[in-house]
C-alpha cells in the first residue's frame, strides 16, 4: 500500500510539474525578433523550394533549355543559389536551438526539468514529419529535426566553450567526411539509391516521365508512388550532403545563442552582430558565388 501511495505521489507531482511547465508563454516573455526571424525563415524556405514546387527542378536539361524563358530562368536560378539556397534552413535550424533553450529556461524557472514537454514535442514533430514526407511532399525536413532534436539534452549542462566547440566541430565535419569519401572512392548513399531505383522500376517511373509524373497523375495513388520513391531521394540528399552534421551543429549554435539570451538585448550586442555581418559577407558571399557556379555547372 505504501509503495502504491509513493508511486501515486510521484506521478501526481510529475504531472503537476509538467502541466506547470507547459503553460503558454506570456506576451511579456515573447521577443518579437524571434517571431520575425521565424516568418522570414519560412518565407525563404518556400522560395528555396519553389523550383521543385513548380516541377522545374525535375526537368531534363534539354527540356529546361527549350523553354521560352530559359535565359531568365538561368539567371533567376543562379541568384536563388547565391542568396537563398541554404540560407534559410540555416536560420530555421538556429531558431530551433534557441527554442530548445527557451523551453528549458522557462521550465526551470517554474521548478520543472522541461525535458518531458520537449520530448513530447519531438514525438509530435516526428509524427507530423512522417505524415508530411509520406503523404504530401518528399522534401520534408521535420523528421530530421525531430530525430536530431532528441540529442540536444545531451549538451544541456555543457559549458559555453564546450558547446561552441561541438557546434563548430559538427559544422566542419562534412568537409572532413567529403574528403575521406572522395579519397577512398566511397559511395555512402549507394544502398539508398538502389532502393529508390527499385521503387521507380516497380511503379514505372523513368527518366523520361520523372519530370512529368506529378503533372500527369490522375489519382492520388500515383502521387503516393512518386512520394514513396522521393522519400529515398530525400534520404540520399541527407547522406550525400552530410545534412545531419550541419543541422546538429546549427542546433547547438542556436542553443548557445538562446542560453546566453543574445536575442533579448540586441543593442547591447550590436558590435558582435556587426562583426558577424562583416565576416559573413567577407567569407560567405564568395563561397556562395562559388557554390552557385558549381551547382549550375
Protein backbone atom coordinates (compact mmCIF):
# COMPACT_ATOMS: atom_id res chain seq x y z
CA UNK A 1 0.00 0.00 0.00
CA UNK A 2 2.83 2.37 0.87
CA UNK A 3 4.53 1.59 -2.46
CA UNK A 4 1.32 2.43 -4.33
CA UNK A 5 0.99 5.70 -2.45
CA UNK A 6 4.63 6.59 -3.20
CA UNK A 7 4.20 5.88 -6.92
CA UNK A 8 0.92 7.81 -6.97
CA UNK A 9 2.51 10.79 -5.22
CA UNK A 10 5.45 10.86 -7.64
CA UNK A 11 3.13 10.55 -10.62
CA UNK A 12 0.94 13.42 -9.43
CA UNK A 13 3.99 15.57 -8.71
CA UNK A 14 5.47 14.83 -12.13
CA UNK A 15 2.15 15.54 -13.84
CA UNK A 16 1.73 18.78 -11.91
CA UNK A 17 5.26 19.88 -12.80
CA UNK A 18 4.72 19.03 -16.45
CA UNK A 19 1.43 20.92 -16.63
CA UNK A 20 3.04 23.82 -14.79
CA UNK A 21 5.96 23.81 -17.22
CA UNK A 22 3.73 23.55 -20.27
CA UNK A 23 1.87 26.80 -19.76
CA UNK A 24 1.72 29.12 -22.79
CA UNK A 25 4.40 31.79 -22.98
CA UNK A 26 3.11 35.15 -21.78
CA UNK A 27 3.14 38.11 -24.16
CA UNK A 28 5.68 39.82 -21.95
CA UNK A 29 8.00 36.81 -22.33
CA UNK A 30 7.94 36.83 -26.13
CA UNK A 31 10.63 38.50 -28.22
CA UNK A 32 9.43 39.96 -31.50
CA UNK A 33 12.78 39.40 -33.20
CA UNK A 34 12.37 35.61 -32.91
CA UNK A 35 8.87 35.68 -34.42
CA UNK A 36 10.09 37.93 -37.23
CA UNK A 37 13.01 35.63 -37.99
CA UNK A 38 10.74 32.58 -37.99
CA UNK A 39 8.49 34.21 -40.56
CA UNK A 40 11.49 35.27 -42.64
CA UNK A 41 12.96 31.76 -42.46
CA UNK A 42 9.71 30.13 -43.59
CA UNK A 43 9.38 32.59 -46.47
CA UNK A 44 12.95 31.88 -47.55
CA UNK A 45 12.45 28.11 -47.31
CA UNK A 46 9.36 28.40 -49.53
CA UNK A 47 11.33 30.45 -52.08
CA UNK A 48 14.21 27.98 -51.98
CA UNK A 49 11.84 25.12 -52.81
CA UNK A 50 9.78 26.92 -55.42
CA UNK A 51 11.77 25.36 -58.26
CA UNK A 52 10.59 21.98 -57.02
CA UNK A 53 7.04 23.10 -56.31
CA UNK A 54 6.85 24.26 -59.94
CA UNK A 55 8.45 20.96 -61.08
CA UNK A 56 11.19 22.98 -62.82
CA UNK A 57 13.93 21.08 -60.96
CA UNK A 58 12.65 17.80 -62.36
CA UNK A 59 13.00 18.88 -65.99
CA UNK A 60 15.83 17.37 -68.06
CA UNK A 61 18.46 19.93 -69.09
CA UNK A 62 17.35 19.92 -72.74
CA UNK A 63 13.69 20.46 -71.78
CA UNK A 64 14.57 23.34 -69.42
CA UNK A 65 16.76 24.85 -72.14
CA UNK A 66 13.93 24.72 -74.65
CA UNK A 67 11.58 26.84 -72.54
CA UNK A 68 10.91 30.37 -73.87
CA UNK A 69 12.08 31.74 -70.51
CA UNK A 70 15.28 29.64 -70.44
CA UNK A 71 17.60 32.67 -70.37
CA UNK A 72 15.93 34.45 -67.48
CA UNK A 73 15.39 31.10 -65.74
CA UNK A 74 19.13 30.54 -65.60
CA UNK A 75 19.71 33.99 -64.13
CA UNK A 76 16.98 33.56 -61.52
CA UNK A 77 18.28 30.10 -60.65
CA UNK A 78 21.80 31.47 -60.15
CA UNK A 79 20.56 34.30 -57.94
CA UNK A 80 18.47 31.83 -55.96
CA UNK A 81 21.53 29.66 -55.34
CA UNK A 82 23.60 32.66 -54.24
CA UNK A 83 21.14 34.46 -51.97
CA UNK A 84 18.50 31.91 -50.93
CA UNK A 85 19.54 28.27 -51.16
CA UNK A 86 20.88 27.00 -47.84
CA UNK A 87 20.47 30.35 -46.09
CA UNK A 88 17.04 29.98 -44.57
CA UNK A 89 17.09 26.39 -43.33
CA UNK A 90 20.27 27.54 -41.58
CA UNK A 91 18.32 30.33 -39.90
CA UNK A 92 15.46 27.96 -39.10
CA UNK A 93 17.90 25.48 -37.52
CA UNK A 94 19.39 28.21 -35.34
CA UNK A 95 15.88 29.16 -34.20
CA UNK A 96 15.20 25.51 -33.34
CA UNK A 97 18.19 25.51 -30.99
CA UNK A 98 17.10 28.82 -29.50
CA UNK A 99 13.64 27.35 -28.94
CA UNK A 100 15.14 24.44 -27.02
CA UNK A 101 16.95 26.85 -24.70
CA UNK A 102 13.72 28.78 -24.09
CA UNK A 103 11.79 25.60 -23.23
CA UNK A 104 14.45 24.53 -20.73
CA UNK A 105 14.83 28.03 -19.25
CA UNK A 106 11.11 28.56 -18.71
CA UNK A 107 10.68 25.10 -17.22
CA UNK A 108 13.50 25.62 -14.74
CA UNK A 109 12.02 28.96 -13.70
CA UNK A 110 8.84 27.07 -12.83
CA UNK A 111 10.58 24.30 -10.94
CA UNK A 112 10.47 21.57 -13.62
CA UNK A 113 13.08 19.96 -15.86
CA UNK A 114 11.38 20.76 -19.15
CA UNK A 115 12.64 17.55 -20.76
CA UNK A 116 9.24 15.85 -20.63
CA UNK A 117 7.49 18.54 -22.66
CA UNK A 118 10.48 18.77 -25.04
CA UNK A 119 10.47 15.03 -25.77
CA UNK A 120 6.71 15.08 -26.30
CA UNK A 121 7.10 17.93 -28.78
CA UNK A 122 9.80 15.99 -30.62
CA UNK A 123 7.50 12.96 -30.78
CA UNK A 124 4.68 15.07 -32.25
CA UNK A 125 7.12 16.72 -34.66
CA UNK A 126 8.38 13.30 -35.75
CA UNK A 127 4.82 12.16 -36.46
CA UNK A 128 3.98 15.33 -38.39
CA UNK A 129 7.20 14.99 -40.38
CA UNK A 130 6.49 11.36 -41.24
CA UNK A 131 2.98 12.16 -42.46
CA UNK A 132 4.29 15.15 -44.39
CA UNK A 133 7.00 13.04 -46.04
CA UNK A 134 4.77 10.13 -47.00
CA UNK A 135 1.53 11.94 -47.86
CA UNK A 136 2.36 15.46 -49.05
CA UNK A 137 5.93 16.23 -50.05
CA UNK A 138 9.17 14.28 -50.18
CA UNK A 139 11.22 17.37 -49.32
CA UNK A 140 10.36 17.13 -45.63
CA UNK A 141 12.96 18.14 -43.04
CA UNK A 142 10.84 17.89 -39.88
CA UNK A 143 11.71 14.23 -39.29
CA UNK A 144 15.40 15.09 -39.36
CA UNK A 145 14.80 17.96 -36.94
CA UNK A 146 12.88 15.71 -34.56
CA UNK A 147 15.49 12.94 -34.59
CA UNK A 148 18.42 15.31 -34.11
CA UNK A 149 16.48 17.32 -31.55
CA UNK A 150 16.46 14.28 -29.29
CA UNK A 151 20.24 14.71 -28.94
CA UNK A 152 20.09 18.28 -27.66
CA UNK A 153 19.54 17.38 -23.98
CA UNK A 154 22.95 15.63 -24.04
CA UNK A 155 24.54 19.09 -24.29
CA UNK A 156 22.29 20.73 -21.73
CA UNK A 157 24.90 21.00 -18.94
CA UNK A 158 27.98 21.71 -21.05
CA UNK A 159 29.84 25.00 -20.73
CA UNK A 160 29.58 27.67 -23.42
CA UNK A 161 33.10 26.88 -24.58
CA UNK A 162 32.42 23.17 -24.94
CA UNK A 163 29.07 23.85 -26.60
CA UNK A 164 30.66 26.10 -29.23
CA UNK A 165 33.46 23.57 -29.78
CA UNK A 166 30.91 20.83 -30.52
CA UNK A 167 28.87 23.17 -32.72
CA UNK A 168 31.78 24.14 -34.96
CA UNK A 169 33.08 20.57 -34.99
CA UNK A 170 29.77 19.35 -36.41
CA UNK A 171 29.69 22.22 -38.91
CA UNK A 172 33.19 21.37 -40.18
CA UNK A 173 32.73 17.60 -40.10
CA UNK A 174 31.01 17.45 -43.54
CA UNK A 175 34.21 18.79 -45.14
CA UNK A 176 36.24 16.02 -43.49
CA UNK A 177 33.69 13.37 -44.45
CA UNK A 178 33.58 14.57 -48.07
CA UNK A 179 37.37 14.46 -48.27
CA UNK A 180 37.52 10.91 -46.89
CA UNK A 181 34.70 9.74 -49.17
CA UNK A 182 36.41 11.20 -52.24
CA UNK A 183 39.84 9.91 -51.24
CA UNK A 184 38.62 6.35 -50.64
CA UNK A 185 36.21 6.40 -53.59
CA UNK A 186 33.24 5.53 -51.38
CA UNK A 187 29.55 5.96 -52.21
CA UNK A 188 27.70 6.06 -48.85
CA UNK A 189 24.29 6.61 -50.43
CA UNK A 190 24.55 3.74 -52.95
CA UNK A 191 22.22 1.38 -50.98
CA UNK A 192 19.60 4.14 -50.70
CA UNK A 193 19.87 4.91 -54.43
CA UNK A 194 19.36 1.22 -55.19
CA UNK A 195 16.18 1.20 -53.10
CA UNK A 196 14.92 4.34 -54.84
CA UNK A 197 15.59 2.84 -58.25
CA UNK A 198 13.79 -0.34 -57.24
CA UNK A 199 10.71 1.70 -56.30
CA UNK A 200 10.86 3.57 -59.62
CA UNK A 201 11.10 0.28 -61.52
CA UNK A 202 8.14 -1.09 -59.56
CA UNK A 203 5.95 1.94 -60.26
CA UNK A 204 7.11 2.56 -63.84
CA UNK A 205 8.82 5.88 -63.08
CA UNK A 206 11.56 6.50 -65.65
CA UNK A 207 13.93 9.29 -66.64
CA UNK A 208 11.55 10.21 -69.45
CA UNK A 209 8.42 10.63 -67.31
CA UNK A 210 10.04 11.63 -63.99
CA UNK A 211 9.63 15.37 -64.57
CA UNK A 212 6.00 14.99 -65.64
CA UNK A 213 4.80 12.27 -63.27
CA UNK A 214 3.10 14.58 -60.78
CA UNK A 215 1.63 16.75 -63.53
CA UNK A 216 0.12 13.76 -65.31
CA UNK A 217 -1.02 11.87 -62.20
CA UNK A 218 -4.71 11.07 -62.49
CA UNK A 219 -5.30 9.93 -58.91
CA UNK A 220 -3.61 10.19 -55.53
CA UNK A 221 -2.23 6.65 -55.74
CA UNK A 222 0.17 7.80 -58.46
CA UNK A 223 1.16 10.81 -56.38
CA UNK A 224 1.81 8.45 -53.46
CA UNK A 225 4.07 6.31 -55.63
CA UNK A 226 6.15 9.34 -56.52
CA UNK A 227 6.35 10.33 -52.84
CA UNK A 228 7.47 6.82 -51.87
CA UNK A 229 10.48 6.91 -54.18
CA UNK A 230 11.01 10.57 -53.26
CA UNK A 231 11.46 9.64 -49.61
CA UNK A 232 14.53 7.60 -50.60
CA UNK A 233 15.78 10.52 -52.69
CA UNK A 234 15.45 12.75 -49.62
CA UNK A 235 17.49 10.32 -47.54
CA UNK A 236 20.11 10.24 -50.28
CA UNK A 237 20.31 14.05 -50.17
CA UNK A 238 20.87 13.97 -46.41
CA UNK A 239 23.63 11.38 -46.75
CA UNK A 240 25.43 12.96 -49.71
CA UNK A 241 25.12 16.45 -48.23
CA UNK A 242 26.01 15.40 -44.65
CA UNK A 243 22.95 17.41 -43.67
CA UNK A 244 22.59 15.78 -40.25
CA UNK A 245 26.01 17.08 -39.12
CA UNK A 246 25.23 20.60 -40.34
CA UNK A 247 21.80 20.73 -38.72
CA UNK A 248 23.04 19.41 -35.38
CA UNK A 249 25.86 21.95 -35.40
CA UNK A 250 23.37 24.74 -36.07
CA UNK A 251 21.08 23.42 -33.31
CA UNK A 252 23.96 23.67 -30.84
CA UNK A 253 24.94 27.13 -32.07
CA UNK A 254 21.31 28.23 -31.65
CA UNK A 255 21.25 26.68 -28.17
CA UNK A 256 24.31 28.77 -27.27
CA UNK A 257 22.63 31.92 -28.61
CA UNK A 258 19.47 31.16 -26.68
CA UNK A 259 21.16 30.16 -23.46
CA UNK A 260 23.06 33.45 -23.41
CA UNK A 261 19.91 35.34 -24.46
CA UNK A 262 21.66 37.30 -27.20
CA UNK A 263 18.27 37.91 -28.81
CA UNK A 264 16.99 39.64 -25.66
CA UNK A 265 19.50 42.52 -25.80
CA UNK A 266 20.16 43.37 -29.44
CA UNK A 267 21.51 46.85 -28.69
CA UNK A 268 23.91 45.50 -26.08
CA UNK A 269 25.40 43.06 -28.59
CA UNK A 270 25.47 45.45 -31.53
CA UNK A 271 29.24 45.19 -32.01
CA UNK A 272 29.09 41.41 -32.03
CA UNK A 273 26.35 41.43 -34.68
CA UNK A 274 28.32 43.95 -36.77
CA UNK A 275 31.40 41.71 -36.71
CA UNK A 276 29.34 38.68 -37.63
CA UNK A 277 27.82 40.60 -40.55
CA UNK A 278 31.21 41.69 -41.85
CA UNK A 279 32.68 38.19 -41.60
CA UNK A 280 29.53 36.76 -43.15
CA UNK A 281 29.88 38.92 -46.25
CA UNK A 282 33.67 38.55 -46.36
CA UNK A 283 33.63 34.75 -46.35
CA UNK A 284 30.03 33.80 -47.05
CA UNK A 285 29.38 35.77 -50.24
CA UNK A 286 32.43 34.50 -52.20
CA UNK A 287 31.68 30.93 -51.13
CA UNK A 288 28.02 31.36 -52.11
CA UNK A 289 29.12 32.58 -55.55
CA UNK A 290 31.39 29.56 -55.89
CA UNK A 291 28.62 27.22 -54.74
CA UNK A 292 26.15 28.69 -57.23
CA UNK A 293 28.65 28.40 -60.07
CA UNK A 294 29.37 24.75 -59.27
CA UNK A 295 25.65 23.97 -58.94
CA UNK A 296 24.65 25.40 -62.32
CA UNK A 297 27.53 23.53 -63.95
